Amino acid sequence: MTNKYSPQLSRRQLLQGMGILSLATMCNSLFPARALAAAQMSDTGFLDVSQFLVSRSVGPVLGQRYFEALTRHDPQFQHKLDSLNALLQQRHFAHVDDFLTALGTDNDDWQTAKTIISAWYTGVVGTGSDLELIAYAEALMYLPTRDILVVPTYGGGPFYWAVTDGKVATTGEGA
């Protein structure tokens, strides 16, 4: 008499097992980098401040890129971040809107917050000709329409939006 529950391995089970092992191996190689970035960023306080300012969770890898760029563009950024973090912990604002209305636009902490929010939403750090692109498709400005519109991944060339002196033919003939 044969047991209908014999431990035979089917081809489908073998392929499923191989797929799971491959996925586990890939995840193990990806997540340590993410965990390391999160550990490094927790010391700076940048992620906590960023999450409060943009009112959503933010990733440690992208956060590290923003933090490094902000520090490159402003050597005093860590000091400004510490001041802002201390204010947020002291005052316990319920929401970023409460923070922004409590301080004037001429306040240094308000300016630091504006810089951080601007970086996360535009994906760009710096001013004038010293701009540095950190994230494009991951910029938070695209989040509200992400499920409707595709983020454009091309440009029309330098100054493609500028008005040119080109004339439109009015003769009715083809181009």
N, C-alpha and C. Protein backbone atom coordinates (compact mmCIF):
# COMPACT_ATOMS: atom_id res chain seq x y z
N MET A 1 0.84 -1.17 0.00
CA MET A 1 0.00 0.00 0.00
C MET A 1 0.89 1.23 0.00
N THR A 2 0.57 2.15 -0.86
CA THR A 2 1.39 3.35 -0.95
C THR A 2 0.72 4.50 -0.22
N ASN A 3 1.55 5.32 0.33
CA ASN A 3 1.07 6.49 1.05
C ASN A 3 0.90 7.63 0.05
N LYS A 4 -0.32 8.21 -0.01
CA LYS A 4 -0.53 9.28 -0.99
C LYS A 4 0.15 10.59 -0.58
N TYR A 5 0.67 10.65 0.62
CA TYR A 5 1.40 11.83 1.09
C TYR A 5 2.90 11.57 1.12
N SER A 6 3.39 10.84 0.17
CA SER A 6 4.82 10.54 0.15
C SER A 6 5.60 11.82 -0.16
N PRO A 7 6.79 11.92 0.40
CA PRO A 7 7.57 13.15 0.24
C PRO A 7 8.27 13.24 -1.11
N GLN A 8 7.51 13.27 -2.20
CA GLN A 8 8.11 13.44 -3.51
C GLN A 8 8.18 14.93 -3.84
N LEU A 9 9.24 15.31 -4.45
CA LEU A 9 9.46 16.71 -4.80
C LEU A 9 9.08 16.92 -6.26
N SER A 10 8.09 17.79 -6.48
CA SER A 10 7.67 18.06 -7.86
C SER A 10 8.55 19.17 -8.46
N ARG A 11 8.48 19.28 -9.75
CA ARG A 11 9.24 20.31 -10.44
C ARG A 11 8.77 21.71 -10.00
N ARG A 12 7.47 21.86 -9.83
CA ARG A 12 6.92 23.15 -9.40
C ARG A 12 7.44 23.53 -8.02
N GLN A 13 7.46 22.59 -7.10
CA GLN A 13 7.96 22.86 -5.75
C GLN A 13 9.44 23.22 -5.78
N LEU A 14 10.19 22.52 -6.62
CA LEU A 14 11.62 22.81 -6.75
C LEU A 14 11.84 24.23 -7.27
N LEU A 15 11.09 24.62 -8.32
CA LEU A 15 11.24 25.97 -8.87
C LEU A 15 10.79 27.04 -7.87
N GLN A 16 9.72 26.76 -7.12
CA GLN A 16 9.29 27.72 -6.10
C GLN A 16 10.35 27.88 -5.02
N GLY A 17 10.93 26.77 -4.60
CA GLY A 17 11.98 26.83 -3.59
C GLY A 17 13.19 27.59 -4.07
N MET A 18 13.58 27.37 -5.33
CA MET A 18 14.72 28.09 -5.89
C MET A 18 14.42 29.59 -5.99
N GLY A 19 13.19 29.92 -6.35
CA GLY A 19 12.81 31.33 -6.43
C GLY A 19 12.86 32.00 -5.07
N ILE A 20 12.38 31.31 -4.05
CA ILE A 20 12.39 31.87 -2.69
C ILE A 20 13.82 32.04 -2.20
N LEU A 21 14.68 31.07 -2.47
CA LEU A 21 16.09 31.19 -2.06
C LEU A 21 16.78 32.34 -2.79
N SER A 22 16.48 32.49 -4.07
CA SER A 22 17.08 33.60 -4.83
C SER A 22 16.63 34.94 -4.28
N LEU A 23 15.35 35.05 -3.98
CA LEU A 23 14.82 36.29 -3.42
C LEU A 23 15.42 36.58 -2.06
N ALA A 24 15.55 35.56 -1.23
CA ALA A 24 16.14 35.75 0.10
C ALA A 24 17.60 36.20 -0.01
N THR A 25 18.34 35.62 -0.94
CA THR A 25 19.73 36.01 -1.13
C THR A 25 19.83 37.46 -1.59
N MET A 26 18.96 37.84 -2.52
CA MET A 26 18.97 39.20 -3.02
C MET A 26 18.60 40.19 -1.91
N CYS A 27 17.59 39.86 -1.12
CA CYS A 27 17.17 40.75 -0.04
C CYS A 27 18.26 40.90 1.01
N ASN A 28 18.97 39.83 1.31
CA ASN A 28 20.05 39.92 2.28
C ASN A 28 21.15 40.85 1.81
N SER A 29 21.34 40.91 0.50
CA SER A 29 22.39 41.81 0.01
C SER A 29 21.90 43.25 -0.08
N LEU A 30 20.59 43.47 -0.14
CA LEU A 30 20.06 44.83 -0.23
C LEU A 30 19.81 45.46 1.13
N PHE A 31 19.24 44.72 2.04
CA PHE A 31 18.82 45.30 3.30
C PHE A 31 19.95 45.70 4.23
N PRO A 32 21.10 45.05 4.24
CA PRO A 32 22.18 45.55 5.10
C PRO A 32 22.61 46.97 4.75
N ALA A 33 22.63 47.31 3.48
CA ALA A 33 23.00 48.68 3.09
C ALA A 33 21.96 49.67 3.62
N ARG A 34 20.71 49.29 3.54
CA ARG A 34 19.64 50.15 4.04
C ARG A 34 19.72 50.29 5.56
N ALA A 35 20.00 49.17 6.24
CA ALA A 35 20.12 49.21 7.70
C ALA A 35 21.32 50.05 8.12
N LEU A 36 22.42 49.93 7.39
CA LEU A 36 23.61 50.72 7.70
C LEU A 36 23.34 52.21 7.50
N ALA A 37 22.66 52.55 6.41
CA ALA A 37 22.33 53.96 6.17
C ALA A 37 21.42 54.50 7.26
N ALA A 38 20.46 53.69 7.69
CA ALA A 38 19.55 54.13 8.76
C ALA A 38 20.30 54.33 10.07
N ALA A 39 21.24 53.45 10.37
CA ALA A 39 22.02 53.59 11.60
C ALA A 39 22.89 54.85 11.56
N GLN A 40 23.50 55.11 10.42
CA GLN A 40 24.34 56.31 10.30
C GLN A 40 23.50 57.58 10.38
N MET A 41 22.30 57.54 9.82
CA MET A 41 21.45 58.72 9.81
C MET A 41 20.79 58.98 11.16
N SER A 42 20.61 57.95 11.97
CA SER A 42 19.95 58.16 13.26
C SER A 42 20.78 59.04 14.18
N ASP A 43 22.09 59.02 14.02
CA ASP A 43 22.95 59.86 14.84
C ASP A 43 22.80 61.35 14.51
N THR A 44 22.47 61.67 13.28
CA THR A 44 22.38 63.07 12.87
C THR A 44 21.04 63.71 13.24
N GLY A 45 20.00 62.91 13.37
CA GLY A 45 18.67 63.45 13.63
C GLY A 45 17.96 63.93 12.37
N PHE A 46 18.61 63.79 11.22
CA PHE A 46 18.06 64.31 9.98
C PHE A 46 16.77 63.60 9.58
N LEU A 47 16.72 62.28 9.72
CA LEU A 47 15.53 61.55 9.31
C LEU A 47 14.32 61.90 10.16
N ASP A 48 14.50 62.01 11.46
CA ASP A 48 13.39 62.36 12.34
C ASP A 48 12.86 63.76 12.02
N VAL A 49 13.77 64.70 11.85
CA VAL A 49 13.36 66.06 11.51
C VAL A 49 12.68 66.08 10.14
N SER A 50 13.23 65.36 9.18
CA SER A 50 12.65 65.31 7.84
C SER A 50 11.24 64.72 7.86
N GLN A 51 11.06 63.63 8.61
CA GLN A 51 9.74 63.01 8.68
C GLN A 51 8.71 63.96 9.27
N PHE A 52 9.11 64.74 10.25
CA PHE A 52 8.19 65.73 10.81
C PHE A 52 7.88 66.82 9.78
N LEU A 53 8.90 67.31 9.11
CA LEU A 53 8.72 68.44 8.20
C LEU A 53 7.92 68.10 6.95
N VAL A 54 8.09 66.89 6.42
CA VAL A 54 7.34 66.53 5.20
C VAL A 54 6.09 65.70 5.52
N SER A 55 5.86 65.43 6.79
CA SER A 55 4.66 64.73 7.25
C SER A 55 4.46 63.36 6.60
N ARG A 56 5.54 62.64 6.42
CA ARG A 56 5.47 61.27 5.90
C ARG A 56 6.80 60.59 6.18
N SER A 57 6.81 59.28 6.07
CA SER A 57 8.06 58.56 6.30
C SER A 57 9.01 58.80 5.13
N VAL A 58 10.28 58.82 5.43
CA VAL A 58 11.30 59.05 4.40
C VAL A 58 12.33 57.93 4.49
N GLY A 59 12.96 57.62 3.37
CA GLY A 59 13.91 56.53 3.32
C GLY A 59 15.30 56.94 3.79
N PRO A 60 16.00 56.02 4.46
CA PRO A 60 17.32 56.35 4.98
C PRO A 60 18.38 56.53 3.89
N VAL A 61 18.28 55.80 2.80
CA VAL A 61 19.30 55.91 1.76
C VAL A 61 19.19 57.27 1.07
N LEU A 62 17.99 57.64 0.68
CA LEU A 62 17.79 58.95 0.06
C LEU A 62 18.04 60.06 1.08
N GLY A 63 17.66 59.83 2.32
CA GLY A 63 17.91 60.80 3.38
C GLY A 63 19.39 61.06 3.57
N GLN A 64 20.19 60.00 3.48
CA GLN A 64 21.63 60.16 3.61
C GLN A 64 22.18 60.99 2.46
N ARG A 65 21.66 60.78 1.26
CA ARG A 65 22.12 61.56 0.10
C ARG A 65 21.76 63.04 0.27
N TYR A 66 20.55 63.32 0.75
CA TYR A 66 20.15 64.71 0.99
C TYR A 66 21.02 65.34 2.07
N PHE A 67 21.22 64.61 3.16
CA PHE A 67 22.00 65.15 4.28
C PHE A 67 23.43 65.47 3.84
N GLU A 68 24.06 64.56 3.11
CA GLU A 68 25.43 64.80 2.64
C GLU A 68 25.49 66.00 1.70
N ALA A 69 24.50 66.13 0.82
CA ALA A 69 24.49 67.26 -0.11
C ALA A 69 24.25 68.58 0.63
N LEU A 70 23.32 68.57 1.58
CA LEU A 70 23.06 69.79 2.35
C LEU A 70 24.29 70.21 3.15
N THR A 71 25.02 69.23 3.68
CA THR A 71 26.24 69.52 4.43
C THR A 71 27.34 70.05 3.51
N ARG A 72 27.42 69.52 2.29
CA ARG A 72 28.40 70.02 1.32
C ARG A 72 28.12 71.47 0.94
N HIS A 73 26.85 71.78 0.76
CA HIS A 73 26.47 73.13 0.32
C HIS A 73 26.46 74.15 1.45
N ASP A 74 26.36 73.67 2.69
CA ASP A 74 26.36 74.57 3.84
C ASP A 74 27.14 73.90 4.97
N PRO A 75 28.40 74.29 5.18
CA PRO A 75 29.21 73.65 6.23
C PRO A 75 28.60 73.77 7.63
N GLN A 76 27.73 74.74 7.84
CA GLN A 76 27.07 74.93 9.14
C GLN A 76 25.75 74.16 9.25
N PHE A 77 25.44 73.33 8.25
CA PHE A 77 24.13 72.68 8.24
C PHE A 77 23.91 71.78 9.45
N GLN A 78 24.91 71.02 9.87
CA GLN A 78 24.73 70.14 11.03
C GLN A 78 24.38 70.96 12.27
N HIS A 79 25.03 72.09 12.46
CA HIS A 79 24.72 72.97 13.59
C HIS A 79 23.28 73.49 13.49
N LYS A 80 22.87 73.89 12.29
CA LYS A 80 21.51 74.39 12.08
C LYS A 80 20.49 73.27 12.32
N LEU A 81 20.82 72.07 11.87
CA LEU A 81 19.93 70.92 12.08
C LEU A 81 19.79 70.61 13.57
N ASP A 82 20.89 70.66 14.30
CA ASP A 82 20.84 70.41 15.75
C ASP A 82 19.96 71.45 16.44
N SER A 83 20.06 72.70 16.04
CA SER A 83 19.24 73.76 16.61
C SER A 83 17.76 73.52 16.32
N LEU A 84 17.45 73.16 15.08
CA LEU A 84 16.07 72.88 14.69
C LEU A 84 15.53 71.67 15.43
N ASN A 85 16.33 70.62 15.52
CA ASN A 85 15.92 69.41 16.23
C ASN A 85 15.64 69.70 17.70
N ALA A 86 16.49 70.50 18.33
CA ALA A 86 16.28 70.85 19.74
C ALA A 86 14.98 71.64 19.91
N LEU A 87 14.70 72.56 19.00
CA LEU A 87 13.47 73.33 19.06
C LEU A 87 12.24 72.42 18.92
N LEU A 88 12.30 71.50 17.97
CA LEU A 88 11.17 70.59 17.75
C LEU A 88 10.93 69.70 18.96
N GLN A 89 12.00 69.23 19.59
CA GLN A 89 11.85 68.38 20.77
C GLN A 89 11.37 69.19 21.98
N GLN A 90 11.76 70.44 22.05
CA GLN A 90 11.37 71.29 23.18
C GLN A 90 9.90 71.71 23.07
N ARG A 91 9.47 72.10 21.88
CA ARG A 91 8.13 72.68 21.72
C ARG A 91 7.04 71.65 21.41
N HIS A 92 7.40 70.46 20.98
CA HIS A 92 6.44 69.38 20.69
C HIS A 92 5.29 69.84 19.79
N PHE A 93 5.63 70.36 18.63
CA PHE A 93 4.60 70.78 17.68
C PHE A 93 3.84 69.56 17.20
N ALA A 94 2.52 69.70 17.05
CA ALA A 94 1.70 68.58 16.60
C ALA A 94 1.87 68.33 15.10
N HIS A 95 2.09 69.38 14.34
CA HIS A 95 2.19 69.26 12.89
C HIS A 95 3.15 70.32 12.37
N VAL A 96 3.66 70.11 11.19
CA VAL A 96 4.60 71.06 10.60
C VAL A 96 3.95 72.43 10.40
N ASP A 97 2.65 72.45 10.13
CA ASP A 97 1.96 73.74 9.96
C ASP A 97 2.00 74.55 11.25
N ASP A 98 1.87 73.88 12.39
CA ASP A 98 1.96 74.58 13.67
C ASP A 98 3.36 75.19 13.86
N PHE A 99 4.36 74.42 13.47
CA PHE A 99 5.75 74.91 13.55
C PHE A 99 5.95 76.14 12.67
N LEU A 100 5.49 76.06 11.43
CA LEU A 100 5.70 77.15 10.48
C LEU A 100 4.97 78.42 10.89
N THR A 101 3.79 78.29 11.47
CA THR A 101 3.05 79.49 11.89
C THR A 101 3.60 80.07 13.19
N ALA A 102 4.23 79.24 14.02
CA ALA A 102 4.76 79.72 15.30
C ALA A 102 6.01 80.56 15.13
N LEU A 103 6.75 80.31 14.06
CA LEU A 103 8.00 81.04 13.83
C LEU A 103 7.85 81.98 12.64
N GLY A 104 8.57 83.06 12.66
CA GLY A 104 8.57 83.99 11.54
C GLY A 104 9.51 83.51 10.45
N THR A 105 9.30 84.00 9.25
CA THR A 105 10.14 83.59 8.13
C THR A 105 11.57 84.06 8.26
N ASP A 106 11.82 85.01 9.13
CA ASP A 106 13.19 85.49 9.33
C ASP A 106 13.95 84.67 10.37
N ASN A 107 13.29 83.69 10.98
CA ASN A 107 13.90 82.84 11.99
C ASN A 107 14.84 81.83 11.32
N ASP A 108 16.02 81.61 11.91
CA ASP A 108 17.00 80.67 11.34
C ASP A 108 16.47 79.25 11.27
N ASP A 109 15.74 78.81 12.30
CA ASP A 109 15.18 77.46 12.29
C ASP A 109 14.13 77.31 11.19
N TRP A 110 13.35 78.35 10.95
CA TRP A 110 12.36 78.33 9.88
C TRP A 110 13.07 78.19 8.53
N GLN A 111 14.17 78.92 8.35
CA GLN A 111 14.93 78.85 7.10
C GLN A 111 15.54 77.46 6.90
N THR A 112 16.04 76.86 7.97
CA THR A 112 16.59 75.51 7.88
C THR A 112 15.50 74.52 7.50
N ALA A 113 14.34 74.66 8.12
CA ALA A 113 13.21 73.78 7.79
C ALA A 113 12.81 73.95 6.33
N LYS A 114 12.79 75.17 5.85
CA LYS A 114 12.45 75.44 4.45
C LYS A 114 13.45 74.77 3.51
N THR A 115 14.71 74.81 3.86
CA THR A 115 15.75 74.18 3.05
C THR A 115 15.55 72.67 2.97
N ILE A 116 15.24 72.06 4.10
CA ILE A 116 15.03 70.60 4.15
C ILE A 116 13.78 70.22 3.37
N ILE A 117 12.69 70.94 3.58
CA ILE A 117 11.44 70.65 2.87
C ILE A 117 11.63 70.82 1.37
N SER A 118 12.30 71.88 0.98
CA SER A 118 12.56 72.14 -0.43
C SER A 118 13.38 71.01 -1.06
N ALA A 119 14.37 70.52 -0.35
CA ALA A 119 15.20 69.43 -0.87
C ALA A 119 14.36 68.19 -1.11
N TRP A 120 13.55 67.81 -0.14
CA TRP A 120 12.73 66.60 -0.28
C TRP A 120 11.70 66.74 -1.40
N TYR A 121 11.09 67.90 -1.52
CA TYR A 121 10.02 68.05 -2.52
C TYR A 121 10.54 68.28 -3.93
N THR A 122 11.62 69.01 -4.08
CA THR A 122 12.13 69.27 -5.44
C THR A 122 13.18 68.27 -5.88
N GLY A 123 13.84 67.62 -4.93
CA GLY A 123 14.92 66.69 -5.26
C GLY A 123 16.23 67.39 -5.56
N VAL A 124 16.30 68.68 -5.27
CA VAL A 124 17.47 69.50 -5.60
C VAL A 124 17.98 70.18 -4.34
N VAL A 125 19.30 70.27 -4.22
CA VAL A 125 19.95 70.97 -3.11
C VAL A 125 20.85 72.04 -3.69
N GLY A 126 20.90 73.20 -3.05
CA GLY A 126 21.76 74.28 -3.49
C GLY A 126 20.96 75.45 -4.03
N THR A 127 21.67 76.49 -4.42
CA THR A 127 21.03 77.68 -4.96
C THR A 127 21.79 78.18 -6.18
N GLY A 128 21.10 78.93 -7.00
CA GLY A 128 21.73 79.55 -8.16
C GLY A 128 22.36 78.54 -9.10
N SER A 129 23.59 78.83 -9.49
CA SER A 129 24.29 77.93 -10.41
C SER A 129 24.93 76.76 -9.68
N ASP A 130 24.77 76.69 -8.37
CA ASP A 130 25.37 75.63 -7.56
C ASP A 130 24.32 74.58 -7.16
N LEU A 131 23.42 74.24 -8.07
CA LEU A 131 22.38 73.26 -7.79
C LEU A 131 22.92 71.85 -7.97
N GLU A 132 22.43 70.94 -7.14
CA GLU A 132 22.82 69.54 -7.23
C GLU A 132 21.55 68.69 -7.21
N LEU A 133 21.36 67.90 -8.25
CA LEU A 133 20.20 67.02 -8.34
C LEU A 133 20.46 65.76 -7.51
N ILE A 134 19.62 65.52 -6.53
CA ILE A 134 19.76 64.35 -5.66
C ILE A 134 18.77 63.27 -6.06
N ALA A 135 17.54 63.64 -6.30
CA ALA A 135 16.51 62.68 -6.70
C ALA A 135 15.62 63.35 -7.72
N TYR A 136 15.18 62.59 -8.70
CA TYR A 136 14.29 63.15 -9.70
C TYR A 136 12.90 62.53 -9.56
N ALA A 137 12.77 61.29 -9.95
CA ALA A 137 11.47 60.63 -9.88
C ALA A 137 11.02 60.43 -8.44
N GLU A 138 11.97 60.39 -7.49
CA GLU A 138 11.64 60.18 -6.09
C GLU A 138 11.31 61.48 -5.36
N ALA A 139 11.40 62.62 -6.03
CA ALA A 139 11.07 63.89 -5.39
C ALA A 139 9.60 63.88 -4.97
N LEU A 140 9.32 64.40 -3.79
CA LEU A 140 7.97 64.32 -3.24
C LEU A 140 6.95 65.16 -4.01
N MET A 141 7.40 66.08 -4.85
CA MET A 141 6.45 66.90 -5.61
C MET A 141 5.64 66.05 -6.59
N TYR A 142 6.15 64.88 -6.96
CA TYR A 142 5.43 64.01 -7.88
C TYR A 142 4.48 63.06 -7.17
N LEU A 143 4.52 63.00 -5.86
CA LEU A 143 3.73 62.04 -5.10
C LEU A 143 2.22 62.19 -5.29
N PRO A 144 1.64 63.39 -5.29
CA PRO A 144 0.19 63.50 -5.42
C PRO A 144 -0.37 62.95 -6.73
N THR A 145 0.41 62.97 -7.79
CA THR A 145 -0.09 62.51 -9.09
C THR A 145 0.59 61.24 -9.58
N ARG A 146 1.31 60.57 -8.71
CA ARG A 146 2.08 59.40 -9.12
C ARG A 146 1.21 58.29 -9.71
N ASP A 147 -0.02 58.13 -9.21
CA ASP A 147 -0.88 57.07 -9.73
C ASP A 147 -1.61 57.48 -11.00
N ILE A 148 -1.50 58.73 -11.40
CA ILE A 148 -2.21 59.22 -12.58
C ILE A 148 -1.24 59.57 -13.71
N LEU A 149 -0.17 60.26 -13.37
CA LEU A 149 0.79 60.73 -14.37
C LEU A 149 2.12 60.03 -14.24
N VAL A 150 2.75 59.81 -15.36
CA VAL A 150 4.09 59.24 -15.37
C VAL A 150 5.08 60.38 -15.21
N VAL A 151 6.05 60.22 -14.32
CA VAL A 151 7.07 61.24 -14.13
C VAL A 151 7.90 61.32 -15.41
N PRO A 152 8.01 62.51 -16.01
CA PRO A 152 8.78 62.61 -17.25
C PRO A 152 10.25 62.30 -17.00
N THR A 153 10.81 61.49 -17.86
CA THR A 153 12.21 61.10 -17.69
C THR A 153 13.08 61.63 -18.82
N TYR A 154 12.64 62.67 -19.44
CA TYR A 154 13.40 63.26 -20.53
C TYR A 154 13.25 64.78 -20.47
N GLY A 155 14.10 65.45 -21.17
CA GLY A 155 14.02 66.90 -21.28
C GLY A 155 14.13 67.28 -22.75
N GLY A 156 13.70 68.47 -23.05
CA GLY A 156 13.75 68.92 -24.43
C GLY A 156 15.05 69.60 -24.80
N GLY A 157 16.05 69.50 -23.94
CA GLY A 157 17.33 70.15 -24.21
C GLY A 157 17.46 71.43 -23.40
N PRO A 158 18.64 72.04 -23.42
CA PRO A 158 18.86 73.26 -22.65
C PRO A 158 17.91 74.37 -23.10
N PHE A 159 17.27 75.00 -22.16
CA PHE A 159 16.38 76.14 -22.39
C PHE A 159 15.27 75.84 -23.41
N TYR A 160 14.79 74.59 -23.43
CA TYR A 160 13.76 74.23 -24.40
C TYR A 160 12.45 74.97 -24.13
N TRP A 161 12.28 75.46 -22.92
CA TRP A 161 11.05 76.16 -22.56
C TRP A 161 11.09 77.64 -22.94
N ALA A 162 12.26 78.12 -23.32
CA ALA A 162 12.41 79.54 -23.64
C ALA A 162 11.70 79.87 -24.95
N VAL A 163 11.19 81.07 -25.02
CA VAL A 163 10.51 81.52 -26.24
C VAL A 163 11.57 81.82 -27.30
N THR A 164 11.35 81.32 -28.49
CA THR A 164 12.29 81.59 -29.59
C THR A 164 11.65 82.59 -30.54
N ASP A 165 12.45 83.11 -31.44
CA ASP A 165 11.96 84.08 -32.41
C ASP A 165 11.41 83.40 -33.66
N GLY A 166 11.21 82.11 -33.59
CA GLY A 166 10.70 81.39 -34.76
C GLY A 166 9.31 81.88 -35.16
N LYS A 167 9.07 81.95 -36.42
CA LYS A 167 7.78 82.42 -36.95
C LYS A 167 6.98 81.23 -37.46
N VAL A 168 5.70 81.33 -37.35
CA VAL A 168 4.82 80.30 -37.88
C VAL A 168 4.39 80.73 -39.28
N ALA A 169 4.47 79.81 -40.21
CA ALA A 169 4.08 80.13 -41.58
C ALA A 169 2.57 80.37 -41.64
N THR A 170 2.19 81.42 -42.31
CA THR A 170 0.76 81.74 -42.43
C THR A 170 0.27 81.58 -43.86
N THR A 171 1.07 80.94 -44.70
CA THR A 171 0.71 80.80 -46.11
C THR A 171 -0.21 79.62 -46.35
N GLY A 172 -0.36 78.76 -45.36
CA GLY A 172 -1.20 77.59 -45.55
C GLY A 172 -0.46 76.42 -46.17
N GLU A 173 0.81 76.60 -46.47
CA GLU A 173 1.60 75.53 -47.07
C GLU A 173 2.18 74.67 -45.97
N GLY A 174 2.49 73.44 -46.30
CA GLY A 174 3.11 72.53 -45.35
C GLY A 174 4.53 72.94 -45.03
N ALA A 175 5.05 72.41 -43.97
CA ALA A 175 6.39 72.78 -43.52
C ALA A 175 7.46 72.28 -44.43
